[in-house]
Amino acid sequence: MFVGGTMVMRIGGARRKSRNKLKKNLRDRGKFRIHNFLQEFKPGEHVALKAEPSFQKGMFRLRFYGKIGTIIRKAGKNYEVSIMDQNKSKIIRTHPVHLRRA
């Protein structure tokens, strides 16, 4: 985008304006629950994307936070989840610690 003949750069990264999404309650701070880390899903199961802030590996882009998707398949330790982003179907690869059954 050009303003007055100069290029305007976007400031910030992937976690810009994400304080409320990545904030845990006082009692939940620290380590995550191990059963969330080890949970298994079957293809076709519906899941909600909810980021676990204490485990950054395999975290999805936060613009998809709160979306409901369908498990497609397992890819290594992660799962491929199909979600609808407005009118387009997208596939997200994320760790099971960031998924909840819907």
PDB file of N, CA and C in Angstrom:
ATOM      1  N   MET A   1       0.845  -1.165   0.000  1.00  0.00           N
ATOM      2  CA  MET A   1       0.000   0.000   0.000  1.00  0.00           C
ATOM      3  C   MET A   1       0.896   1.235   0.000  1.00  0.00           C
ATOM      4  N   PHE A   2       0.581   2.187  -0.858  1.00  0.00           N
ATOM      5  CA  PHE A   2       1.351   3.415  -0.963  1.00  0.00           C
ATOM      6  C   PHE A   2       0.556   4.572  -0.391  1.00  0.00           C
ATOM      7  N   VAL A   3       1.216   5.373   0.434  1.00  0.00           N
ATOM      8  CA  VAL A   3       0.613   6.576   0.993  1.00  0.00           C
ATOM      9  C   VAL A   3       1.576   7.720   0.736  1.00  0.00           C
ATOM     10  N   GLY A   4       1.150   8.684  -0.044  1.00  0.00           N
ATOM     11  CA  GLY A   4       1.991   9.840  -0.313  1.00  0.00           C
ATOM     12  C   GLY A   4       3.272   9.480  -1.044  1.00  0.00           C
ATOM     13  N   GLY A   5       3.266   8.434  -1.857  1.00  0.00           N
ATOM     14  CA  GLY A   5       4.433   8.049  -2.628  1.00  0.00           C
ATOM     15  C   GLY A   5       5.414   7.162  -1.899  1.00  0.00           C
ATOM     16  N   THR A   6       5.145   6.824  -0.632  1.00  0.00           N
ATOM     17  CA  THR A   6       6.046   5.940   0.102  1.00  0.00           C
ATOM     18  C   THR A   6       5.312   4.655   0.467  1.00  0.00           C
ATOM     19  N   MET A   7       6.073   3.593   0.592  1.00  0.00           N
ATOM     20  CA  MET A   7       5.502   2.292   0.934  1.00  0.00           C
ATOM     21  C   MET A   7       5.267   2.221   2.444  1.00  0.00           C
ATOM     22  N   VAL A   8       4.083   1.766   2.865  1.00  0.00           N
ATOM     23  CA  VAL A   8       3.737   1.618   4.272  1.00  0.00           C
ATOM     24  C   VAL A   8       3.831   0.137   4.617  1.00  0.00           C
ATOM     25  N   MET A   9       4.686  -0.195   5.590  1.00  0.00           N
ATOM     26  CA  MET A   9       4.891  -1.586   5.982  1.00  0.00           C
ATOM     27  C   MET A   9       3.954  -1.943   7.130  1.00  0.00           C
ATOM     28  N   ARG A  10       3.477  -3.169   7.113  1.00  0.00           N
ATOM     29  CA  ARG A  10       2.638  -3.645   8.206  1.00  0.00           C
ATOM     30  C   ARG A  10       3.542  -4.018   9.383  1.00  0.00           C
ATOM     31  N   ILE A  11       3.176  -3.548  10.565  1.00  0.00           N
ATOM     32  CA  ILE A  11       3.980  -3.788  11.755  1.00  0.00           C
ATOM     33  C   ILE A  11       3.351  -4.928  12.552  1.00  0.00           C
ATOM     34  N   GLY A  12       4.169  -5.843  13.012  1.00  0.00           N
ATOM     35  CA  GLY A  12       3.685  -6.926  13.849  1.00  0.00           C
ATOM     36  C   GLY A  12       3.825  -8.262  13.160  1.00  0.00           C
ATOM     37  N   GLY A  13       3.690  -9.307  13.943  1.00  0.00           N
ATOM     38  CA  GLY A  13       3.861 -10.649  13.425  1.00  0.00           C
ATOM     39  C   GLY A  13       2.616 -11.491  13.616  1.00  0.00           C
ATOM     40  N   ALA A  14       2.819 -12.805  13.723  1.00  0.00           N
ATOM     41  CA  ALA A  14       1.707 -13.750  13.784  1.00  0.00           C
ATOM     42  C   ALA A  14       0.945 -13.668  15.106  1.00  0.00           C
ATOM     43  N   ARG A  15       1.587 -13.182  16.168  1.00  0.00           N
ATOM     44  CA  ARG A  15       0.918 -13.135  17.467  1.00  0.00           C
ATOM     45  C   ARG A  15       0.528 -11.723  17.873  1.00  0.00           C
ATOM     46  N   ARG A  16       0.433 -10.838  16.919  1.00  0.00           N
ATOM     47  CA  ARG A  16       0.039  -9.455  17.182  1.00  0.00           C
ATOM     48  C   ARG A  16      -1.410  -9.419  17.664  1.00  0.00           C
ATOM     49  N   LYS A  17      -1.693  -8.664  18.714  1.00  0.00           N
ATOM     50  CA  LYS A  17      -3.023  -8.494  19.299  1.00  0.00           C
ATOM     51  C   LYS A  17      -3.619  -9.817  19.770  1.00  0.00           C
ATOM     52  N   SER A  18      -2.806 -10.653  20.384  1.00  0.00           N
ATOM     53  CA  SER A  18      -3.295 -11.975  20.788  1.00  0.00           C
ATOM     54  C   SER A  18      -3.247 -12.168  22.297  1.00  0.00           C
ATOM     55  N   ARG A  19      -3.189 -11.103  23.059  1.00  0.00           N
ATOM     56  CA  ARG A  19      -3.027 -11.241  24.508  1.00  0.00           C
ATOM     57  C   ARG A  19      -4.194 -11.995  25.136  1.00  0.00           C
ATOM     58  N   ASN A  20      -5.427 -11.681  24.757  1.00  0.00           N
ATOM     59  CA  ASN A  20      -6.569 -12.341  25.380  1.00  0.00           C
ATOM     60  C   ASN A  20      -6.709 -13.784  24.925  1.00  0.00           C
ATOM     61  N   LYS A  21      -6.341 -14.084  23.673  1.00  0.00           N
ATOM     62  CA  LYS A  21      -6.445 -15.460  23.190  1.00  0.00           C
ATOM     63  C   LYS A  21      -5.429 -16.362  23.861  1.00  0.00           C
ATOM     64  N   LEU A  22      -4.258 -15.846  24.177  1.00  0.00           N
ATOM     65  CA  LEU A  22      -3.189 -16.659  24.729  1.00  0.00           C
ATOM     66  C   LEU A  22      -3.026 -16.502  26.240  1.00  0.00           C
ATOM     67  N   LYS A  23      -4.008 -15.905  26.905  1.00  0.00           N
ATOM     68  CA  LYS A  23      -3.924 -15.720  28.347  1.00  0.00           C
ATOM     69  C   LYS A  23      -4.672 -16.849  29.049  1.00  0.00           C
ATOM     70  N   LYS A  24      -4.038 -17.437  30.065  1.00  0.00           N
ATOM     71  CA  LYS A  24      -4.673 -18.491  30.836  1.00  0.00           C
ATOM     72  C   LYS A  24      -5.168 -17.928  32.160  1.00  0.00           C
ATOM     73  N   ASN A  25      -6.100 -18.629  32.769  1.00  0.00           N
ATOM     74  CA  ASN A  25      -6.541 -18.255  34.109  1.00  0.00           C
ATOM     75  C   ASN A  25      -5.400 -18.489  35.098  1.00  0.00           C
ATOM     76  N   LEU A  26      -5.461 -17.829  36.224  1.00  0.00           N
ATOM     77  CA  LEU A  26      -4.396 -17.913  37.210  1.00  0.00           C
ATOM     78  C   LEU A  26      -4.165 -19.347  37.682  1.00  0.00           C
ATOM     79  N   ARG A  27      -5.220 -20.122  37.849  1.00  0.00           N
ATOM     80  CA  ARG A  27      -5.098 -21.486  38.346  1.00  0.00           C
ATOM     81  C   ARG A  27      -4.611 -22.454  37.265  1.00  0.00           C
ATOM     82  N   ASP A  28      -4.717 -22.061  35.999  1.00  0.00           N
ATOM     83  CA  ASP A  28      -4.345 -22.956  34.897  1.00  0.00           C
ATOM     84  C   ASP A  28      -2.946 -22.700  34.370  1.00  0.00           C
ATOM     85  N   ARG A  29      -2.225 -21.745  34.947  1.00  0.00           N
ATOM     86  CA  ARG A  29      -0.897 -21.417  34.429  1.00  0.00           C
ATOM     87  C   ARG A  29       0.103 -22.522  34.709  1.00  0.00           C
ATOM     88  N   GLY A  30       1.138 -22.568  33.881  1.00  0.00           N
ATOM     89  CA  GLY A  30       2.171 -23.576  34.063  1.00  0.00           C
ATOM     90  C   GLY A  30       2.055 -24.665  33.022  1.00  0.00           C
ATOM     91  N   LYS A  31       2.242 -25.882  33.446  1.00  0.00           N
ATOM     92  CA  LYS A  31       2.224 -27.000  32.509  1.00  0.00           C
ATOM     93  C   LYS A  31       0.808 -27.340  32.084  1.00  0.00           C
ATOM     94  N   PHE A  32       0.706 -27.926  30.900  1.00  0.00           N
ATOM     95  CA  PHE A  32      -0.593 -28.341  30.390  1.00  0.00           C
ATOM     96  C   PHE A  32      -0.913 -29.748  30.888  1.00  0.00           C
ATOM     97  N   ARG A  33      -2.143 -30.159  30.697  1.00  0.00           N
ATOM     98  CA  ARG A  33      -2.560 -31.496  31.125  1.00  0.00           C
ATOM     99  C   ARG A  33      -2.065 -32.530  30.120  1.00  0.00           C
ATOM    100  N   ILE A  34      -1.528 -33.613  30.609  1.00  0.00           N
ATOM    101  CA  ILE A  34      -0.907 -34.611  29.747  1.00  0.00           C
ATOM    102  C   ILE A  34      -1.950 -35.351  28.905  1.00  0.00           C
ATOM    103  N   HIS A  35      -3.181 -35.481  29.393  1.00  0.00           N
ATOM    104  CA  HIS A  35      -4.184 -36.183  28.589  1.00  0.00           C
ATOM    105  C   HIS A  35      -4.578 -35.363  27.358  1.00  0.00           C
ATOM    106  N   ASN A  36      -4.439 -34.037  27.419  1.00  0.00           N
ATOM    107  CA  ASN A  36      -4.668 -33.230  26.211  1.00  0.00           C
ATOM    108  C   ASN A  36      -3.547 -33.440  25.207  1.00  0.00           C
ATOM    109  N   PHE A  37      -2.339 -33.644  25.688  1.00  0.00           N
ATOM    110  CA  PHE A  37      -1.191 -33.861  24.822  1.00  0.00           C
ATOM    111  C   PHE A  37      -1.285 -35.206  24.108  1.00  0.00           C
ATOM    112  N   LEU A  38      -1.807 -36.218  24.791  1.00  0.00           N
ATOM    113  CA  LEU A  38      -1.831 -37.580  24.259  1.00  0.00           C
ATOM    114  C   LEU A  38      -3.171 -37.981  23.647  1.00  0.00           C
ATOM    115  N   GLN A  39      -4.120 -37.060  23.536  1.00  0.00           N
ATOM    116  CA  GLN A  39      -5.439 -37.449  23.035  1.00  0.00           C
ATOM    117  C   GLN A  39      -5.388 -37.875  21.569  1.00  0.00           C
ATOM    118  N   GLU A  40      -6.264 -38.802  21.216  1.00  0.00           N
ATOM    119  CA  GLU A  40      -6.331 -39.361  19.864  1.00  0.00           C
ATOM    120  C   GLU A  40      -7.662 -38.973  19.235  1.00  0.00           C
ATOM    121  N   PHE A  41      -7.644 -38.758  17.930  1.00  0.00           N
ATOM    122  CA  PHE A  41      -8.852 -38.436  17.182  1.00  0.00           C
ATOM    123  C   PHE A  41      -8.965 -39.372  15.989  1.00  0.00           C
ATOM    124  N   LYS A  42     -10.192 -39.605  15.546  1.00  0.00           N
ATOM    125  CA  LYS A  42     -10.444 -40.436  14.376  1.00  0.00           C
ATOM    126  C   LYS A  42     -10.831 -39.531  13.213  1.00  0.00           C
ATOM    127  N   PRO A  43     -10.552 -39.941  11.976  1.00  0.00           N
ATOM    128  CA  PRO A  43     -10.979 -39.141  10.822  1.00  0.00           C
ATOM    129  C   PRO A  43     -12.500 -38.963  10.811  1.00  0.00           C
ATOM    130  N   GLY A  44     -12.935 -37.745  10.511  1.00  0.00           N
ATOM    131  CA  GLY A  44     -14.352 -37.417  10.502  1.00  0.00           C
ATOM    132  C   GLY A  44     -14.860 -36.833  11.800  1.00  0.00           C
ATOM    133  N   GLU A  45     -14.047 -36.855  12.844  1.00  0.00           N
ATOM    134  CA  GLU A  45     -14.463 -36.318  14.139  1.00  0.00           C
ATOM    135  C   GLU A  45     -14.396 -34.793  14.110  1.00  0.00           C
ATOM    136  N   HIS A  46     -15.351 -34.138  14.784  1.00  0.00           N
ATOM    137  CA  HIS A  46     -15.387 -32.677  14.834  1.00  0.00           C
ATOM    138  C   HIS A  46     -14.580 -32.185  16.030  1.00  0.00           C
ATOM    139  N   VAL A  47     -13.753 -31.167  15.789  1.00  0.00           N
ATOM    140  CA  VAL A  47     -12.912 -30.604  16.835  1.00  0.00           C
ATOM    141  C   VAL A  47     -12.986 -29.080  16.795  1.00  0.00           C
ATOM    142  N   ALA A  48     -12.699 -28.465  17.943  1.00  0.00           N
ATOM    143  CA  ALA A  48     -12.605 -27.008  18.042  1.00  0.00           C
ATOM    144  C   ALA A  48     -11.130 -26.651  18.182  1.00  0.00           C
ATOM    145  N   LEU A  49     -10.721 -25.586  17.513  1.00  0.00           N
ATOM    146  CA  LEU A  49      -9.346 -25.117  17.588  1.00  0.00           C
ATOM    147  C   LEU A  49      -9.222 -24.165  18.781  1.00  0.00           C
ATOM    148  N   LYS A  50      -8.481 -24.584  19.779  1.00  0.00           N
ATOM    149  CA  LYS A  50      -8.241 -23.741  20.955  1.00  0.00           C
ATOM    150  C   LYS A  50      -6.763 -23.859  21.307  1.00  0.00           C
ATOM    151  N   ALA A  51      -6.027 -22.791  21.129  1.00  0.00           N
ATOM    152  CA  ALA A  51      -4.575 -22.810  21.302  1.00  0.00           C
ATOM    153  C   ALA A  51      -4.201 -22.985  22.774  1.00  0.00           C
ATOM    154  N   GLU A  52      -3.208 -23.816  23.017  1.00  0.00           N
ATOM    155  CA  GLU A  52      -2.631 -24.004  24.349  1.00  0.00           C
ATOM    156  C   GLU A  52      -1.380 -23.140  24.423  1.00  0.00           C
ATOM    157  N   PRO A  53      -1.421 -22.018  25.165  1.00  0.00           N
ATOM    158  CA  PRO A  53      -0.308 -21.076  25.128  1.00  0.00           C
ATOM    159  C   PRO A  53       0.995 -21.604  25.719  1.00  0.00           C
ATOM    160  N   SER A  54       0.935 -22.612  26.586  1.00  0.00           N
ATOM    161  CA  SER A  54       2.167 -23.103  27.197  1.00  0.00           C
ATOM    162  C   SER A  54       2.901 -24.117  26.321  1.00  0.00           C
ATOM    163  N   PHE A  55       2.365 -24.438  25.145  1.00  0.00           N
ATOM    164  CA  PHE A  55       3.016 -25.358  24.205  1.00  0.00           C
ATOM    165  C   PHE A  55       2.915 -24.722  22.826  1.00  0.00           C
ATOM    166  N   GLN A  56       4.045 -24.162  22.328  1.00  0.00           N
ATOM    167  CA  GLN A  56       3.991 -23.402  21.088  1.00  0.00           C
ATOM    168  C   GLN A  56       4.148 -24.250  19.837  1.00  0.00           C
ATOM    169  N   LYS A  57       4.722 -25.458  19.950  1.00  0.00           N
ATOM    170  CA  LYS A  57       4.931 -26.275  18.759  1.00  0.00           C
ATOM    171  C   LYS A  57       3.594 -26.743  18.199  1.00  0.00           C
ATOM    172  N   GLY A  58       3.471 -26.702  16.897  1.00  0.00           N
ATOM    173  CA  GLY A  58       2.265 -27.182  16.242  1.00  0.00           C
ATOM    174  C   GLY A  58       1.065 -26.282  16.436  1.00  0.00           C
ATOM    175  N   MET A  59       1.293 -25.021  16.815  1.00  0.00           N
ATOM    176  CA  MET A  59       0.186 -24.090  17.009  1.00  0.00           C
ATOM    177  C   MET A  59      -0.236 -23.503  15.663  1.00  0.00           C
ATOM    178  N   PHE A  60      -1.522 -23.376  15.469  1.00  0.00           N
ATOM    179  CA  PHE A  60      -2.068 -22.828  14.232  1.00  0.00           C
ATOM    180  C   PHE A  60      -2.045 -21.302  14.276  1.00  0.00           C
ATOM    181  N   ARG A  61      -2.347 -20.672  13.137  1.00  0.00           N
ATOM    182  CA  ARG A  61      -2.457 -19.213  13.105  1.00  0.00           C
ATOM    183  C   ARG A  61      -3.664 -18.792  13.929  1.00  0.00           C
ATOM    184  N   LEU A  62      -3.513 -17.749  14.715  1.00  0.00           N
ATOM    185  CA  LEU A  62      -4.538 -17.384  15.677  1.00  0.00           C
ATOM    186  C   LEU A  62      -5.785 -16.785  15.040  1.00  0.00           C
ATOM    187  N   ARG A  63      -5.780 -16.519  13.752  1.00  0.00           N
ATOM    188  CA  ARG A  63      -7.015 -16.053  13.119  1.00  0.00           C
ATOM    189  C   ARG A  63      -8.032 -17.195  12.999  1.00  0.00           C
ATOM    190  N   PHE A  64      -7.576 -18.456  13.190  1.00  0.00           N
ATOM    191  CA  PHE A  64      -8.473 -19.605  13.147  1.00  0.00           C
ATOM    192  C   PHE A  64      -8.916 -20.034  14.543  1.00  0.00           C
ATOM    193  N   TYR A  65      -8.575 -19.280  15.566  1.00  0.00           N
ATOM    194  CA  TYR A  65      -8.911 -19.607  16.956  1.00  0.00           C
ATOM    195  C   TYR A  65     -10.427 -19.679  17.130  1.00  0.00           C
ATOM    196  N   GLY A  66     -10.908 -20.756  17.725  1.00  0.00           N
ATOM    197  CA  GLY A  66     -12.340 -20.907  17.987  1.00  0.00           C
ATOM    198  C   GLY A  66     -13.123 -21.539  16.864  1.00  0.00           C
ATOM    199  N   LYS A  67     -12.501 -21.831  15.742  1.00  0.00           N
ATOM    200  CA  LYS A  67     -13.203 -22.435  14.610  1.00  0.00           C
ATOM    201  C   LYS A  67     -13.449 -23.914  14.878  1.00  0.00           C
ATOM    202  N   ILE A  68     -14.505 -24.441  14.280  1.00  0.00           N
ATOM    203  CA  ILE A  68     -14.826 -25.857  14.354  1.00  0.00           C
ATOM    204  C   ILE A  68     -14.419 -26.497  13.045  1.00  0.00           C
ATOM    205  N   GLY A  69     -13.728 -27.630  13.131  1.00  0.00           N
ATOM    206  CA  GLY A  69     -13.268 -28.314  11.933  1.00  0.00           C
ATOM    207  C   GLY A  69     -13.465 -29.812  12.031  1.00  0.00           C
ATOM    208  N   THR A  70     -13.060 -30.493  10.966  1.00  0.00           N
ATOM    209  CA  THR A  70     -13.185 -31.946  10.880  1.00  0.00           C
ATOM    210  C   THR A  70     -11.803 -32.549  10.693  1.00  0.00           C
ATOM    211  N   ILE A  71     -11.500 -33.604  11.442  1.00  0.00           N
ATOM    212  CA  ILE A  71     -10.213 -34.296  11.310  1.00  0.00           C
ATOM    213  C   ILE A  71     -10.182 -35.009   9.964  1.00  0.00           C
ATOM    214  N   ILE A  72      -9.112 -34.799   9.207  1.00  0.00           N
ATOM    215  CA  ILE A  72      -8.930 -35.490   7.930  1.00  0.00           C
ATOM    216  C   ILE A  72      -8.067 -36.725   8.127  1.00  0.00           C
ATOM    217  N   ARG A  73      -6.881 -36.523   8.698  1.00  0.00           N
ATOM    218  CA  ARG A  73      -5.978 -37.653   8.919  1.00  0.00           C
ATOM    219  C   ARG A  73      -4.910 -37.239   9.919  1.00  0.00           C
ATOM    220  N   LYS A  74      -4.153 -38.233  10.366  1.00  0.00           N
ATOM    221  CA  LYS A  74      -3.028 -37.972  11.249  1.00  0.00           C
ATOM    222  C   LYS A  74      -1.780 -37.824  10.399  1.00  0.00           C
ATOM    223  N   ALA A  75      -0.957 -36.824  10.708  1.00  0.00           N
ATOM    224  CA  ALA A  75       0.278 -36.565   9.969  1.00  0.00           C
ATOM    225  C   ALA A  75       1.413 -36.470  10.978  1.00  0.00           C
ATOM    226  N   GLY A  76       2.081 -37.582  11.245  1.00  0.00           N
ATOM    227  CA  GLY A  76       3.115 -37.601  12.271  1.00  0.00           C
ATOM    228  C   GLY A  76       2.466 -37.496  13.635  1.00  0.00           C
ATOM    229  N   LYS A  77       2.919 -36.551  14.455  1.00  0.00           N
ATOM    230  CA  LYS A  77       2.288 -36.317  15.756  1.00  0.00           C
ATOM    231  C   LYS A  77       1.070 -35.414  15.622  1.00  0.00           C
ATOM    232  N   ASN A  78       0.965 -34.703  14.508  1.00  0.00           N
ATOM    233  CA  ASN A  78      -0.085 -33.718  14.319  1.00  0.00           C
ATOM    234  C   ASN A  78      -1.292 -34.305  13.594  1.00  0.00           C
ATOM    235  N   TYR A  79      -2.340 -33.484  13.511  1.00  0.00           N
ATOM    236  CA  TYR A  79      -3.546 -33.849  12.773  1.00  0.00           C
ATOM    237  C   TYR A  79      -3.821 -32.790  11.720  1.00  0.00           C
ATOM    238  N   GLU A  80      -4.352 -33.220  10.584  1.00  0.00           N
ATOM    239  CA  GLU A  80      -4.821 -32.287   9.569  1.00  0.00           C
ATOM    240  C   GLU A  80      -6.305 -32.058   9.797  1.00  0.00           C
ATOM    241  N   VAL A  81      -6.674 -30.790   9.930  1.00  0.00           N
ATOM    242  CA  VAL A  81      -8.048 -30.399  10.227  1.00  0.00           C
ATOM    243  C   VAL A  81      -8.549 -29.537   9.090  1.00  0.00           C
ATOM    244  N   SER A  82      -9.727 -29.851   8.578  1.00  0.00           N
ATOM    245  CA  SER A  82     -10.347 -29.055   7.521  1.00  0.00           C
ATOM    246  C   SER A  82     -11.320 -28.076   8.168  1.00  0.00           C
ATOM    247  N   ILE A  83     -11.159 -26.782   7.871  1.00  0.00           N
ATOM    248  CA  ILE A  83     -12.060 -25.753   8.397  1.00  0.00           C
ATOM    249  C   ILE A  83     -12.560 -24.901   7.249  1.00  0.00           C
ATOM    250  N   MET A  84     -13.634 -24.172   7.492  1.00  0.00           N
ATOM    251  CA  MET A  84     -14.149 -23.220   6.523  1.00  0.00           C
ATOM    252  C   MET A  84     -13.724 -21.828   6.960  1.00  0.00           C
ATOM    253  N   ASP A  85     -12.989 -21.133   6.105  1.00  0.00           N
ATOM    254  CA  ASP A  85     -12.586 -19.757   6.351  1.00  0.00           C
ATOM    255  C   ASP A  85     -13.381 -18.896   5.383  1.00  0.00           C
ATOM    256  N   GLN A  86     -14.482 -18.325   5.874  1.00  0.00           N
ATOM    257  CA  GLN A  86     -15.489 -17.632   5.079  1.00  0.00           C
ATOM    258  C   GLN A  86     -16.060 -18.617   4.063  1.00  0.00           C
ATOM    259  N   ASN A  87     -15.769 -18.521   2.789  1.00  0.00           N
ATOM    260  CA  ASN A  87     -16.341 -19.449   1.818  1.00  0.00           C
ATOM    261  C   ASN A  87     -15.326 -20.440   1.280  1.00  0.00           C
ATOM    262  N   LYS A  88     -14.152 -20.477   1.846  1.00  0.00           N
ATOM    263  CA  LYS A  88     -13.079 -21.322   1.329  1.00  0.00           C
ATOM    264  C   LYS A  88     -12.715 -22.387   2.356  1.00  0.00           C
ATOM    265  N   SER A  89     -12.552 -23.620   1.892  1.00  0.00           N
ATOM    266  CA  SER A  89     -12.131 -24.705   2.768  1.00  0.00           C
ATOM    267  C   SER A  89     -10.613 -24.685   2.878  1.00  0.00           C
ATOM    268  N   LYS A  90     -10.109 -24.770   4.105  1.00  0.00           N
ATOM    269  CA  LYS A  90      -8.669 -24.746   4.333  1.00  0.00           C
ATOM    270  C   LYS A  90      -8.275 -25.921   5.202  1.00  0.00           C
ATOM    271  N   ILE A  91      -7.042 -26.374   5.032  1.00  0.00           N
ATOM    272  CA  ILE A  91      -6.513 -27.481   5.814  1.00  0.00           C
ATOM    273  C   ILE A  91      -5.411 -26.946   6.718  1.00  0.00           C
ATOM    274  N   ILE A  92      -5.543 -27.231   8.010  1.00  0.00           N
ATOM    275  CA  ILE A  92      -4.588 -26.775   9.012  1.00  0.00           C
ATOM    276  C   ILE A  92      -3.965 -28.003   9.647  1.00  0.00           C
ATOM    277  N   ARG A  93      -2.658 -27.980   9.817  1.00  0.00           N
ATOM    278  CA  ARG A  93      -1.959 -29.067  10.499  1.00  0.00           C
ATOM    279  C   ARG A  93      -1.592 -28.571  11.891  1.00  0.00           C
ATOM    280  N   THR A  94      -2.095 -29.243  12.920  1.00  0.00           N
ATOM    281  CA  THR A  94      -1.893 -28.775  14.282  1.00  0.00           C
ATOM    282  C   THR A  94      -1.723 -29.946  15.258  1.00  0.00           C
ATOM    283  N   HIS A  95      -1.085 -29.665  16.374  1.00  0.00           N
ATOM    284  CA  HIS A  95      -0.821 -30.664  17.414  1.00  0.00           C
ATOM    285  C   HIS A  95      -2.107 -30.915  18.200  1.00  0.00           C
ATOM    286  N   PRO A  96      -2.327 -32.140  18.689  1.00  0.00           N
ATOM    287  CA  PRO A  96      -3.569 -32.435  19.413  1.00  0.00           C
ATOM    288  C   PRO A  96      -3.766 -31.668  20.712  1.00  0.00           C
ATOM    289  N   VAL A  97      -2.710 -31.082  21.280  1.00  0.00           N
ATOM    290  CA  VAL A  97      -2.866 -30.303  22.503  1.00  0.00           C
ATOM    291  C   VAL A  97      -3.683 -29.028  22.228  1.00  0.00           C
ATOM    292  N   HIS A  98      -3.748 -28.596  20.976  1.00  0.00           N
ATOM    293  CA  HIS A  98      -4.499 -27.396  20.599  1.00  0.00           C
ATOM    294  C   HIS A  98      -5.904 -27.717  20.107  1.00  0.00           C
ATOM    295  N   LEU A  99      -6.352 -28.962  20.251  1.00  0.00           N
ATOM    296  CA  LEU A  99      -7.664 -29.385  19.762  1.00  0.00           C
ATOM    297  C   LEU A  99      -8.545 -29.822  20.928  1.00  0.00           C
ATOM    298  N   ARG A 100      -9.833 -29.552  20.814  1.00  0.00           N
ATOM    299  CA  ARG A 100     -10.847 -30.010  21.788  1.00  0.00           C
ATOM    300  C   ARG A 100     -11.971 -30.657  21.005  1.00  0.00           C
ATOM    301  N   ARG A 101     -12.580 -31.687  21.574  1.00  0.00           N
ATOM    302  CA  ARG A 101     -13.726 -32.317  20.908  1.00  0.00           C
ATOM    303  C   ARG A 101     -14.900 -31.335  20.898  1.00  0.00           C
ATOM    304  N   ALA A 102     -15.595 -31.278  19.756  1.00  0.00           N
ATOM    305  CA  ALA A 102     -16.720 -30.341  19.628  1.00  0.00           C
ATOM    306  C   ALA A 102     -18.029 -31.110  19.600  1.00  0.00           C
TER     307      ALA A 102
END
